Protein backbone atom coordinates (compact mmCIF):
# COMPACT_ATOMS: atom_id res chain seq x y z
CA UNK A 1 0.00 0.00 0.00
CA UNK A 2 1.41 3.42 -0.93
CA UNK A 3 1.85 6.21 1.60
CA UNK A 4 -0.90 8.24 -0.12
CA UNK A 5 -3.44 5.39 -0.12
CA UNK A 6 -2.59 4.50 3.49
CA UNK A 7 -3.16 8.12 4.50
CA UNK A 8 -6.49 8.20 2.63
CA UNK A 9 -7.62 4.95 4.29
CA UNK A 10 -6.73 6.30 7.73
CA UNK A 11 -8.58 9.55 7.02
CA UNK A 12 -11.75 7.66 6.03
CA UNK A 13 -11.50 5.50 9.16
CA UNK A 14 -11.10 8.58 11.37
CA UNK A 15 -13.98 10.36 9.62
CA UNK A 16 -16.27 7.41 10.26
CA UNK A 17 -15.63 7.48 14.02
CA UNK A 18 -18.05 10.02 15.45
CA UNK A 19 -19.44 7.92 18.31
CA UNK A 20 -18.73 8.11 22.05
CA UNK A 21 -18.27 11.90 21.96
CA UNK A 22 -20.56 14.76 22.84
CA UNK A 23 -21.07 17.16 19.93
CA UNK A 24 -22.35 20.62 20.88
CA UNK A 25 -24.56 22.32 18.29
CA UNK A 26 -23.04 25.63 17.16
CA UNK A 27 -24.65 26.22 13.75
CA UNK A 28 -28.14 25.36 12.47
CA UNK A 29 -29.35 26.25 8.97
CA UNK A 30 -26.77 29.02 8.68
CA UNK A 31 -27.63 30.58 12.05
CA UNK A 32 -25.19 30.61 14.97
CA UNK A 33 -26.54 28.80 18.04
CA UNK A 34 -26.01 30.55 21.37
CA UNK A 35 -23.12 29.21 23.41
CA UNK A 36 -25.51 28.94 26.37
CA UNK A 37 -27.74 26.49 24.50
CA UNK A 38 -27.96 22.98 25.94
CA UNK A 39 -28.34 21.42 22.47
CA UNK A 40 -25.93 18.57 21.80
CA UNK A 41 -25.71 15.17 20.15
CA UNK A 42 -23.96 11.96 21.24
CA UNK A 43 -23.72 8.67 19.34
CA UNK A 44 -23.07 5.44 21.21
CA UNK A 45 -19.69 3.80 20.67
CA UNK A 46 -21.22 1.32 18.19
CA UNK A 47 -22.80 4.25 16.28
CA UNK A 48 -26.25 2.62 16.25
CA UNK A 49 -28.06 4.70 18.87
CA UNK A 50 -27.88 8.35 19.84
CA UNK A 51 -28.95 10.57 22.71
CA UNK A 52 -28.68 14.27 23.36
CA UNK A 53 -30.56 17.43 24.17
CA UNK A 54 -32.68 19.30 21.66
CA UNK A 55 -32.28 22.55 23.61
CA UNK A 56 -34.73 21.89 26.41
CA UNK A 57 -35.82 18.25 26.16
CA UNK A 58 -33.76 15.09 26.06
CA UNK A 59 -33.80 13.29 22.70
CA UNK A 60 -32.90 9.79 21.56
CA UNK A 61 -33.22 7.49 18.58
CA UNK A 62 -31.50 5.19 16.11
CA UNK A 63 -28.64 6.07 13.78
CA UNK A 64 -26.80 4.34 10.96
CA UNK A 65 -23.25 5.38 9.99
CA UNK A 66 -21.47 4.02 6.90
CA UNK A 67 -18.35 5.74 5.64
CA UNK A 68 -19.53 9.37 5.28
CA UNK A 69 -23.25 8.53 5.16
CA UNK A 70 -25.51 8.97 8.18
CA UNK A 71 -29.20 8.35 8.82
CA UNK A 72 -31.05 9.36 12.00
CA UNK A 73 -34.40 7.64 12.57
CA UNK A 74 -37.09 6.95 15.20
CA UNK A 75 -36.27 10.23 16.91
CA UNK A 76 -38.10 10.81 20.18
CA UNK A 77 -37.96 13.51 22.84
CA UNK A 78 -39.17 14.02 26.35
CA UNK A 79 -42.18 16.34 26.71
CA UNK A 80 -41.11 18.96 29.22
CA UNK A 81 -42.75 22.35 28.60
CA UNK A 82 -40.22 24.94 27.37
CA UNK A 83 -41.47 28.47 27.96
CA UNK A 84 -38.86 30.27 25.83
CA UNK A 85 -40.06 30.54 22.22
CA UNK A 86 -36.56 30.64 20.78
CA UNK A 87 -35.75 27.38 22.54
CA UNK A 88 -38.98 25.85 21.25
CA UNK A 89 -38.08 26.86 17.70
CA UNK A 90 -34.54 25.56 18.09
CA UNK A 91 -35.84 22.19 19.29
CA UNK A 92 -38.26 21.83 16.41
CA UNK A 93 -35.70 22.84 13.78
CA UNK A 94 -32.95 20.70 15.32
CA UNK A 95 -35.04 17.51 15.30
CA UNK A 96 -36.50 18.11 11.82
CA UNK A 97 -33.09 18.89 10.32
CA UNK A 98 -31.57 15.83 11.97
CA UNK A 99 -34.22 13.66 10.33
CA UNK A 100 -33.17 14.89 6.87
CA UNK A 101 -29.38 14.80 7.29
CA UNK A 102 -27.77 12.18 5.06
CA UNK A 103 -24.04 12.92 5.04
CA UNK A 104 -21.36 14.11 7.44
CA UNK A 105 -17.82 15.37 7.49
CA UNK A 106 -15.59 15.31 10.53
CA UNK A 107 -12.80 17.86 10.63
CA UNK A 108 -10.76 17.30 13.78
CA UNK A 109 -12.94 18.48 16.68
CA UNK A 110 -15.79 19.65 14.46
CA UNK A 111 -18.62 17.66 12.91
CA UNK A 112 -20.70 18.90 9.97
CA UNK A 113 -24.01 17.40 8.82
CA UNK A 114 -25.32 17.85 5.31
CA UNK A 115 -28.51 17.34 3.32
CA UNK A 116 -26.99 16.31 0.02
CA UNK A 117 -24.40 19.04 -0.55
CA UNK A 118 -25.95 21.67 1.72
CA UNK A 119 -24.41 22.23 5.16
CA UNK A 120 -27.26 22.21 7.67
CA UNK A 121 -25.59 21.72 11.06
CA UNK A 122 -22.19 22.10 12.65
CA UNK A 123 -21.04 20.77 16.02
CA UNK A 124 -17.89 21.00 18.11
CA UNK A 125 -16.61 18.19 20.30
CA UNK A 126 -17.01 18.59 24.04
CA UNK A 127 -14.93 16.96 26.72
CA UNK A 128 -17.39 14.76 28.58
CA UNK A 129 -17.41 15.29 32.30
CA UNK A 130 -16.29 12.17 34.05
CA UNK A 131 -15.73 12.06 37.80
CA UNK A 132 -12.11 11.55 38.80
CA UNK A 133 -13.22 8.91 41.24
CA UNK A 134 -16.12 6.56 40.33
CA UNK A 135 -17.25 6.94 43.93
CA UNK A 136 -18.12 10.57 43.11
CA UNK A 137 -20.69 9.54 40.50
CA UNK A 138 -24.28 9.99 41.67
CA UNK A 139 -26.02 6.64 42.08
CA UNK A 140 -29.64 5.71 42.71
CA UNK A 141 -28.91 5.03 46.35
CA UNK A 142 -27.08 8.29 47.03
CA UNK A 143 -30.02 10.67 47.14
CA UNK A 144 -33.54 11.24 48.32
CA UNK A 145 -35.31 11.77 44.97
CA UNK A 146 -38.04 14.44 45.04
CA UNK A 147 -40.72 14.28 42.34
CA UNK A 148 -40.66 17.30 40.00
CA UNK A 149 -42.49 16.12 36.85
CA UNK A 150 -44.83 13.41 35.58
CA UNK A 151 -44.54 12.54 31.88
CA UNK A 152 -42.54 15.74 31.40
CA UNK A 153 -45.20 18.00 32.96
CA UNK A 154 -44.04 19.81 36.14
CA UNK A 155 -45.99 18.87 39.26
CA UNK A 156 -47.51 21.35 41.70
CA UNK A 157 -46.11 22.18 45.13
CA UNK A 158 -48.18 19.31 46.52
CA UNK A 159 -46.64 16.92 44.03
CA UNK A 160 -43.16 17.89 45.17
CA UNK A 161 -43.84 16.29 48.55
CA UNK A 162 -43.64 12.88 46.83
CA UNK A 163 -40.26 11.17 46.91
CA UNK A 164 -38.46 7.84 46.66
CA UNK A 165 -35.25 6.49 48.19
CA UNK A 166 -33.35 3.32 47.27
CA UNK A 167 -31.52 1.04 49.71
CA UNK A 168 -29.02 -1.19 47.89
CA UNK A 169 -28.21 -3.28 50.97
CA UNK A 170 -31.84 -4.31 51.46
CA UNK A 171 -32.82 -4.17 47.78
CA UNK A 172 -35.74 -1.98 48.79
CA UNK A 173 -37.29 1.24 47.50
CA UNK A 174 -39.76 3.39 49.39
CA UNK A 175 -40.94 6.84 50.23
CA UNK A 176 -44.06 8.93 50.14
CA UNK A 177 -46.60 9.52 47.37
CA UNK A 178 -47.57 12.89 48.80
CA UNK A 179 -50.46 11.17 50.54
CA UNK A 180 -49.38 7.67 51.56
CA UNK A 181 -46.20 5.92 52.62
CA UNK A 182 -45.11 3.17 50.19
CA UNK A 183 -42.42 0.53 49.87
CA UNK A 184 -41.29 -2.30 47.63
CA UNK A 185 -38.33 -4.12 46.14
CA UNK A 186 -36.07 -3.04 43.28
CA UNK A 187 -33.25 -4.35 41.13
CA UNK A 188 -30.91 -2.30 38.94
CA UNK A 189 -28.36 -3.66 36.48
CA UNK A 190 -26.57 -1.06 34.39
CA UNK A 191 -29.31 1.41 33.48
CA UNK A 192 -32.16 -1.11 33.68
CA UNK A 193 -34.52 -0.83 36.64
CA UNK A 194 -37.39 -2.89 37.97
CA UNK A 195 -39.61 -2.13 40.98
CA UNK A 196 -41.83 -4.92 42.31
CA UNK A 197 -44.14 -5.74 45.21
CA UNK A 198 -45.01 -2.08 45.77
CA UNK A 199 -47.51 -1.59 48.59
CA UNK A 200 -48.73 1.55 50.35
CA UNK A 201 -50.84 2.72 53.24
CA UNK A 202 -54.50 3.37 52.45
CA UNK A 203 -55.12 6.93 53.59
CA UNK A 204 -57.62 8.78 51.36
CA UNK A 205 -56.59 12.32 50.42
CA UNK A 206 -59.74 13.62 48.78
CA UNK A 207 -59.39 17.29 49.67
CA UNK A 208 -57.03 18.13 46.78
CA UNK A 209 -55.14 16.64 43.81
CA UNK A 210 -52.89 14.35 45.82
CA UNK A 211 -54.79 11.16 44.94
CA UNK A 212 -54.33 11.84 41.21
CA UNK A 213 -50.63 12.51 41.72
CA UNK A 214 -50.33 9.33 43.80
CA UNK A 215 -51.93 7.15 41.10
CA UNK A 216 -49.67 8.52 38.37
CA UNK A 217 -46.60 8.37 40.61
CA UNK A 218 -47.08 4.71 41.62
CA UNK A 219 -48.06 3.78 38.07
CA UNK A 220 -44.83 5.34 36.79
CA UNK A 221 -42.73 3.49 39.36
CA UNK A 222 -44.27 0.14 38.45
CA UNK A 223 -43.93 0.66 34.68
CA UNK A 224 -40.35 1.98 34.74
CA UNK A 225 -37.73 -0.32 33.22
CA UNK A 226 -34.88 2.13 32.63
CA UNK A 227 -33.33 5.16 34.33
CA UNK A 228 -30.90 7.99 33.69
CA UNK A 229 -29.18 10.35 36.11
CA UNK A 230 -28.20 13.71 34.62
CA UNK A 231 -27.04 16.74 36.60
CA UNK A 232 -28.57 15.64 39.92
CA UNK A 233 -31.82 14.65 38.17
CA UNK A 234 -33.23 11.12 38.00
CA UNK A 235 -35.42 10.20 35.02
CA UNK A 236 -37.44 6.98 34.94
CA UNK A 237 -38.48 5.58 31.56
CA UNK A 238 -40.59 2.83 30.09
CA UNK A 239 -38.35 2.04 27.11
CA UNK A 240 -37.99 5.51 25.51
CA UNK A 241 -41.06 7.04 27.17
CA UNK A 242 -40.31 9.41 30.05
CA UNK A 243 -42.50 8.63 33.05
CA UNK A 244 -41.14 10.43 36.12
CA UNK A 245 -38.50 13.08 36.81
CA UNK A 246 -36.90 13.70 40.21
CA UNK A 247 -34.38 16.09 41.74
CA UNK A 248 -31.78 14.75 44.14
CA UNK A 249 -31.58 15.89 47.74
CA UNK A 250 -29.12 14.79 50.40
CA UNK A 251 -30.54 12.01 52.56
């Protein structure tokens, strides 16, 4: 193999490796994206799945990478309400443009996505935050998790009295629904999660919305099969569907 062909082969191989890095969105349809925007994209190491943030909501889906070709599909997002109109527009445009992208070019620490020959998005590589000591990473069992949203919709002040804590030693999970005390068993392997045998006290809270919150809260706990912890927030999912969102508080 000649030096030139070896160099070309290495360049193609490098260009095809865009997984396992966080790519921050800096340009969308010719418009500069604010540096304060949370929008970013990250492909798994095998370059078959992706996650990220559309600007306000988490996003996820499937991706196919072959040489310089790319195809994003089955894109989903969480449903948190975003009050800022510019952020709403960014989210919509980001997701729609991602669906149409069909080619990419990687230039060192920058990634460009194209629709045919037209540049539609540009990203820069971020250094992913990784704790120096694995013991510093927030785990399920480290916090008291206070309920802040159900299916992406923020809960009221009453709803924020609901919480859950996990005890790894006992394999138990329990807390308060905002009306009743509850408890059960749980198992977590990797990012998979299963709560079983959940029981609660039987107090009736009919004077306000707490019974409705309780039903949705317990239903979410029982249906959850996956979790993510991001920036002191715990998200419980049923596959790719966001069920419950919590904020961590010291026990």
